[in-house]
PDB file of N, CA and C in Angstrom:
ATOM      1  N   MET A   1      93.969  74.262  81.165  1.00  0.00           N
ATOM      2  CA  MET A   1      95.281  74.802  81.393  1.00  0.00           C
ATOM      3  C   MET A   1      96.195  73.754  82.034  1.00  0.00           C
ATOM      4  N   LEU A   2      95.608  72.799  82.736  1.00  0.00           N
ATOM      5  CA  LEU A   2      96.409  71.746  83.366  1.00  0.00           C
ATOM      6  C   LEU A   2      97.129  70.899  82.321  1.00  0.00           C
ATOM      7  N   ARG A   3      96.464  70.679  81.190  1.00  0.00           N
ATOM      8  CA  ARG A   3      97.098  69.911  80.119  1.00  0.00           C
ATOM      9  C   ARG A   3      98.349  70.600  79.596  1.00  0.00           C
ATOM     10  N   ILE A   4      98.228  71.872  79.318  1.00  0.00           N
ATOM     11  CA  ILE A   4      99.365  72.640  78.806  1.00  0.00           C
ATOM     12  C   ILE A   4     100.466  72.698  79.859  1.00  0.00           C
ATOM     13  N   ALA A   5     100.084  72.935  81.096  1.00  0.00           N
ATOM     14  CA  ALA A   5     101.077  73.020  82.171  1.00  0.00           C
ATOM     15  C   ALA A   5     101.818  71.703  82.355  1.00  0.00           C
ATOM     16  N   SER A   6     101.115  70.584  82.220  1.00  0.00           N
ATOM     17  CA  SER A   6     101.798  69.297  82.385  1.00  0.00           C
ATOM     18  C   SER A   6     102.741  69.009  81.226  1.00  0.00           C
ATOM     19  N   LEU A   7     102.381  69.425  80.032  1.00  0.00           N
ATOM     20  CA  LEU A   7     103.294  69.269  78.900  1.00  0.00           C
ATOM     21  C   LEU A   7     104.523  70.155  79.054  1.00  0.00           C
ATOM     22  N   ILE A   8     104.310  71.365  79.491  1.00  0.00           N
ATOM     23  CA  ILE A   8     105.430  72.276  79.705  1.00  0.00           C
ATOM     24  C   ILE A   8     106.302  71.781  80.849  1.00  0.00           C
ATOM     25  N   TYR A   9     105.686  71.172  81.845  1.00  0.00           N
ATOM     26  CA  TYR A   9     106.440  70.657  82.992  1.00  0.00           C
ATOM     27  C   TYR A   9     107.448  69.596  82.566  1.00  0.00           C
ATOM     28  N   THR A  10     107.073  68.753  81.627  1.00  0.00           N
ATOM     29  CA  THR A  10     108.000  67.705  81.198  1.00  0.00           C
ATOM     30  C   THR A  10     109.270  68.295  80.607  1.00  0.00           C
ATOM     31  N   VAL A  11     109.135  69.376  79.873  1.00  0.00           N
ATOM     32  CA  VAL A  11     110.306  70.019  79.276  1.00  0.00           C
ATOM     33  C   VAL A  11     111.041  70.871  80.314  1.00  0.00           C
ATOM     34  N   ALA A  12     110.284  71.647  81.068  1.00  0.00           N
ATOM     35  CA  ALA A  12     110.897  72.564  82.035  1.00  0.00           C
ATOM     36  C   ALA A  12     111.600  71.815  83.161  1.00  0.00           C
ATOM     37  N   SER A  13     111.026  70.713  83.610  1.00  0.00           N
ATOM     38  CA  SER A  13     111.652  69.995  84.718  1.00  0.00           C
ATOM     39  C   SER A  13     112.983  69.384  84.306  1.00  0.00           C
ATOM     40  N   SER A  14     113.036  68.779  83.142  1.00  0.00           N
ATOM     41  CA  SER A  14     114.306  68.192  82.717  1.00  0.00           C
ATOM     42  C   SER A  14     115.351  69.272  82.463  1.00  0.00           C
ATOM     43  N   THR A  15     114.925  70.408  81.935  1.00  0.00           N
ATOM     44  CA  THR A  15     115.863  71.505  81.703  1.00  0.00           C
ATOM     45  C   THR A  15     116.379  72.069  83.018  1.00  0.00           C
ATOM     46  N   LEU A  16     115.477  72.355  83.940  1.00  0.00           N
ATOM     47  CA  LEU A  16     115.901  72.932  85.216  1.00  0.00           C
ATOM     48  C   LEU A  16     116.698  71.942  86.060  1.00  0.00           C
ATOM     49  N   MET A  17     116.333  70.667  86.008  1.00  0.00           N
ATOM     50  CA  MET A  17     117.126  69.671  86.731  1.00  0.00           C
ATOM     51  C   MET A  17     118.549  69.631  86.186  1.00  0.00           C
ATOM     52  N   GLY A  18     118.681  69.668  84.874  1.00  0.00           N
ATOM     53  CA  GLY A  18     120.006  69.678  84.267  1.00  0.00           C
ATOM     54  C   GLY A  18     120.806  70.902  84.643  1.00  0.00           C
ATOM     55  N   ILE A  19     120.152  72.060  84.654  1.00  0.00           N
ATOM     56  CA  ILE A  19     120.836  73.301  85.027  1.00  0.00           C
ATOM     57  C   ILE A  19     121.324  73.233  86.466  1.00  0.00           C
ATOM     58  N   PHE A  20     120.455  72.778  87.367  1.00  0.00           N
ATOM     59  CA  PHE A  20     120.844  72.704  88.776  1.00  0.00           C
ATOM     60  C   PHE A  20     121.916  71.652  89.027  1.00  0.00           C
ATOM     61  N   ILE A  21     121.884  70.565  88.281  1.00  0.00           N
ATOM     62  CA  ILE A  21     122.940  69.557  88.426  1.00  0.00           C
ATOM     63  C   ILE A  21     124.274  70.112  87.956  1.00  0.00           C
ATOM     64  N   VAL A  22     124.273  70.816  86.843  1.00  0.00           N
ATOM     65  CA  VAL A  22     125.516  71.424  86.345  1.00  0.00           C
ATOM     66  C   VAL A  22     126.048  72.449  87.340  1.00  0.00           C
ATOM     67  N   ILE A  23     125.156  73.244  87.925  1.00  0.00           N
ATOM     68  CA  ILE A  23     125.582  74.217  88.933  1.00  0.00           C
ATOM     69  C   ILE A  23     126.195  73.511  90.136  1.00  0.00           C
ATOM     70  N   ALA A  24     125.568  72.440  90.589  1.00  0.00           N
ATOM     71  CA  ALA A  24     126.095  71.706  91.747  1.00  0.00           C
ATOM     72  C   ALA A  24     127.458  71.100  91.437  1.00  0.00           C
ATOM     73  N   LEU A  25     127.596  70.510  90.270  1.00  0.00           N
ATOM     74  CA  LEU A  25     128.875  69.906  89.910  1.00  0.00           C
ATOM     75  C   LEU A  25     129.963  70.960  89.732  1.00  0.00           C
ATOM     76  N   THR A  26     129.621  72.096  89.153  1.00  0.00           N
ATOM     77  CA  THR A  26     130.586  73.168  88.964  1.00  0.00           C
ATOM     78  C   THR A  26     131.027  73.753  90.297  1.00  0.00           C
ATOM     79  N   ALA A  27     130.117  73.797  91.253  1.00  0.00           N
ATOM     80  CA  ALA A  27     130.441  74.335  92.573  1.00  0.00           C
ATOM     81  C   ALA A  27     131.240  73.349  93.425  1.00  0.00           C
ATOM     82  N   GLY A  28     131.447  72.143  92.932  1.00  0.00           N
ATOM     83  CA  GLY A  28     132.250  71.178  93.653  1.00  0.00           C
ATOM     84  C   GLY A  28     131.459  70.165  94.460  1.00  0.00           C
ATOM     85  N   TYR A  29     130.161  70.214  94.372  1.00  0.00           N
ATOM     86  CA  TYR A  29     129.310  69.242  95.077  1.00  0.00           C
ATOM     87  C   TYR A  29     129.084  68.054  94.156  1.00  0.00           C
ATOM     88  N   ASP A  30     130.038  67.127  94.153  1.00  0.00           N
ATOM     89  CA  ASP A  30     130.006  66.057  93.167  1.00  0.00           C
ATOM     90  C   ASP A  30     129.659  64.685  93.746  1.00  0.00           C
ATOM     91  N   THR A  31     129.065  64.667  94.919  1.00  0.00           N
ATOM     92  CA  THR A  31     128.612  63.386  95.462  1.00  0.00           C
ATOM     93  C   THR A  31     127.164  63.142  95.044  1.00  0.00           C
ATOM     94  N   LEU A  32     126.753  61.897  95.153  1.00  0.00           N
ATOM     95  CA  LEU A  32     125.405  61.515  94.727  1.00  0.00           C
ATOM     96  C   LEU A  32     124.332  62.286  95.493  1.00  0.00           C
ATOM     97  N   ARG A  33     124.576  62.524  96.751  1.00  0.00           N
ATOM     98  CA  ARG A  33     123.583  63.219  97.583  1.00  0.00           C
ATOM     99  C   ARG A  33     123.263  64.597  97.014  1.00  0.00           C
ATOM    100  N   TYR A  34     124.291  65.361  96.683  1.00  0.00           N
ATOM    101  CA  TYR A  34     124.065  66.715  96.190  1.00  0.00           C
ATOM    102  C   TYR A  34     123.498  66.737  94.775  1.00  0.00           C
ATOM    103  N   VAL A  35     123.856  65.772  93.971  1.00  0.00           N
ATOM    104  CA  VAL A  35     123.305  65.700  92.622  1.00  0.00           C
ATOM    105  C   VAL A  35     121.813  65.384  92.681  1.00  0.00           C
ATOM    106  N   VAL A  36     121.423  64.487  93.565  1.00  0.00           N
ATOM    107  CA  VAL A  36     120.003  64.145  93.715  1.00  0.00           C
ATOM    108  C   VAL A  36     119.233  65.334  94.283  1.00  0.00           C
ATOM    109  N   ILE A  37     119.812  66.039  95.240  1.00  0.00           N
ATOM    110  CA  ILE A  37     119.163  67.230  95.794  1.00  0.00           C
ATOM    111  C   ILE A  37     118.970  68.287  94.713  1.00  0.00           C
ATOM    112  N   ALA A  38     119.998  68.490  93.894  1.00  0.00           N
ATOM    113  CA  ALA A  38     119.902  69.478  92.812  1.00  0.00           C
ATOM    114  C   ALA A  38     118.813  69.086  91.821  1.00  0.00           C
ATOM    115  N   ALA A  39     118.712  67.814  91.502  1.00  0.00           N
ATOM    116  CA  ALA A  39     117.661  67.353  90.585  1.00  0.00           C
ATOM    117  C   ALA A  39     116.277  67.536  91.200  1.00  0.00           C
ATOM    118  N   ALA A  40     116.145  67.246  92.482  1.00  0.00           N
ATOM    119  CA  ALA A  40     114.850  67.416  93.150  1.00  0.00           C
ATOM    120  C   ALA A  40     114.440  68.882  93.206  1.00  0.00           C
ATOM    121  N   VAL A  41     115.403  69.754  93.483  1.00  0.00           N
ATOM    122  CA  VAL A  41     115.104  71.190  93.505  1.00  0.00           C
ATOM    123  C   VAL A  41     114.660  71.656  92.127  1.00  0.00           C
ATOM    124  N   GLY A  42     115.326  71.168  91.082  1.00  0.00           N
ATOM    125  CA  GLY A  42     114.922  71.522  89.723  1.00  0.00           C
ATOM    126  C   GLY A  42     113.520  71.062  89.398  1.00  0.00           C
ATOM    127  N   ALA A  43     113.155  69.872  89.860  1.00  0.00           N
ATOM    128  CA  ALA A  43     111.806  69.362  89.616  1.00  0.00           C
ATOM    129  C   ALA A  43     110.754  70.177  90.352  1.00  0.00           C
ATOM    130  N   VAL A  44     111.075  70.603  91.565  1.00  0.00           N
ATOM    131  CA  VAL A  44     110.124  71.404  92.349  1.00  0.00           C
ATOM    132  C   VAL A  44     110.000  72.812  91.776  1.00  0.00           C
ATOM    133  N   VAL A  45     111.102  73.398  91.368  1.00  0.00           N
ATOM    134  CA  VAL A  45     111.074  74.757  90.802  1.00  0.00           C
ATOM    135  C   VAL A  45     110.310  74.768  89.479  1.00  0.00           C
ATOM    136  N   ALA A  46     110.311  73.667  88.767  1.00  0.00           N
ATOM    137  CA  ALA A  46     109.628  73.606  87.479  1.00  0.00           C
ATOM    138  C   ALA A  46     108.116  73.661  87.605  1.00  0.00           C
ATOM    139  N   ILE A  47     107.581  73.362  88.767  1.00  0.00           N
ATOM    140  CA  ILE A  47     106.117  73.371  88.943  1.00  0.00           C
ATOM    141  C   ILE A  47     105.545  74.782  88.760  1.00  0.00           C
ATOM    142  N   PRO A  48     106.010  75.785  89.525  1.00  0.00           N
ATOM    143  CA  PRO A  48     105.453  77.121  89.286  1.00  0.00           C
ATOM    144  C   PRO A  48     105.871  77.716  87.941  1.00  0.00           C
ATOM    145  N   VAL A  49     107.047  77.361  87.473  1.00  0.00           N
ATOM    146  CA  VAL A  49     107.497  77.870  86.175  1.00  0.00           C
ATOM    147  C   VAL A  49     106.560  77.389  85.075  1.00  0.00           C
ATOM    148  N   SER A  50     106.218  76.123  85.076  1.00  0.00           N
ATOM    149  CA  SER A  50     105.323  75.604  84.046  1.00  0.00           C
ATOM    150  C   SER A  50     103.925  76.191  84.176  1.00  0.00           C
ATOM    151  N   TYR A  51     103.486  76.457  85.395  1.00  0.00           N
ATOM    152  CA  TYR A  51     102.177  77.078  85.587  1.00  0.00           C
ATOM    153  C   TYR A  51     102.150  78.489  84.994  1.00  0.00           C
ATOM    154  N   TYR A  52     103.184  79.277  85.262  1.00  0.00           N
ATOM    155  CA  TYR A  52     103.210  80.649  84.760  1.00  0.00           C
ATOM    156  C   TYR A  52     103.360  80.694  83.241  1.00  0.00           C
ATOM    157  N   ILE A  53     104.110  79.774  82.681  1.00  0.00           N
ATOM    158  CA  ILE A  53     104.235  79.724  81.226  1.00  0.00           C
ATOM    159  C   ILE A  53     102.898  79.323  80.605  1.00  0.00           C
ATOM    160  N   ALA A  54     102.220  78.352  81.182  1.00  0.00           N
ATOM    161  CA  ALA A  54     100.910  77.940  80.665  1.00  0.00           C
ATOM    162  C   ALA A  54      99.894  79.061  80.786  1.00  0.00           C
ATOM    163  N   LYS A  55      99.965  79.796  81.880  1.00  0.00           N
ATOM    164  CA  LYS A  55      99.063  80.931  82.062  1.00  0.00           C
ATOM    165  C   LYS A  55      99.307  81.998  81.001  1.00  0.00           C
ATOM    166  N   ALA A  56     100.575  82.265  80.718  1.00  0.00           N
ATOM    167  CA  ALA A  56     100.911  83.254  79.694  1.00  0.00           C
ATOM    168  C   ALA A  56     100.454  82.802  78.303  1.00  0.00           C
ATOM    169  N   ILE A  57     100.594  81.523  78.019  1.00  0.00           N
ATOM    170  CA  ILE A  57     100.154  81.000  76.730  1.00  0.00           C
ATOM    171  C   ILE A  57      98.625  81.093  76.620  1.00  0.00           C
ATOM    172  N   LYS A  58      97.919  80.809  77.693  1.00  0.00           N
ATOM    173  CA  LYS A  58      96.458  80.866  77.670  1.00  0.00           C
ATOM    174  C   LYS A  58      95.978  82.303  77.467  1.00  0.00           C
ATOM    175  N   GLU A  59      96.666  83.250  78.085  1.00  0.00           N
ATOM    176  CA  GLU A  59      96.276  84.657  77.926  1.00  0.00           C
ATOM    177  C   GLU A  59      96.556  85.187  76.532  1.00  0.00           C
ATOM    178  N   MET A  60      97.535  84.615  75.846  1.00  0.00           N
ATOM    179  CA  MET A  60      97.875  85.067  74.494  1.00  0.00           C
ATOM    180  C   MET A  60      96.815  84.669  73.474  1.00  0.00           C
ATOM    181  N   GLY A  61      96.200  83.534  73.670  1.00  0.00           N
ATOM    182  CA  GLY A  61      95.284  83.070  72.632  1.00  0.00           C
ATOM    183  C   GLY A  61      94.050  82.605  73.142  1.00  0.00           C
TER     184      GLY A  61
END
């Protein structure tokens, strides 16, 4: 399951980082500090998301 989760993490982390960066920029936090924080939060949030998606895929088949 770790293999599937790591593959999903590569996609989920870039997607969530992009979403959080867009949210930060839209909210007016347009300095480098806030953009990096938003990207880091997206990378951290992607860890449990990829685990739960991998778990769901494993249970399906």
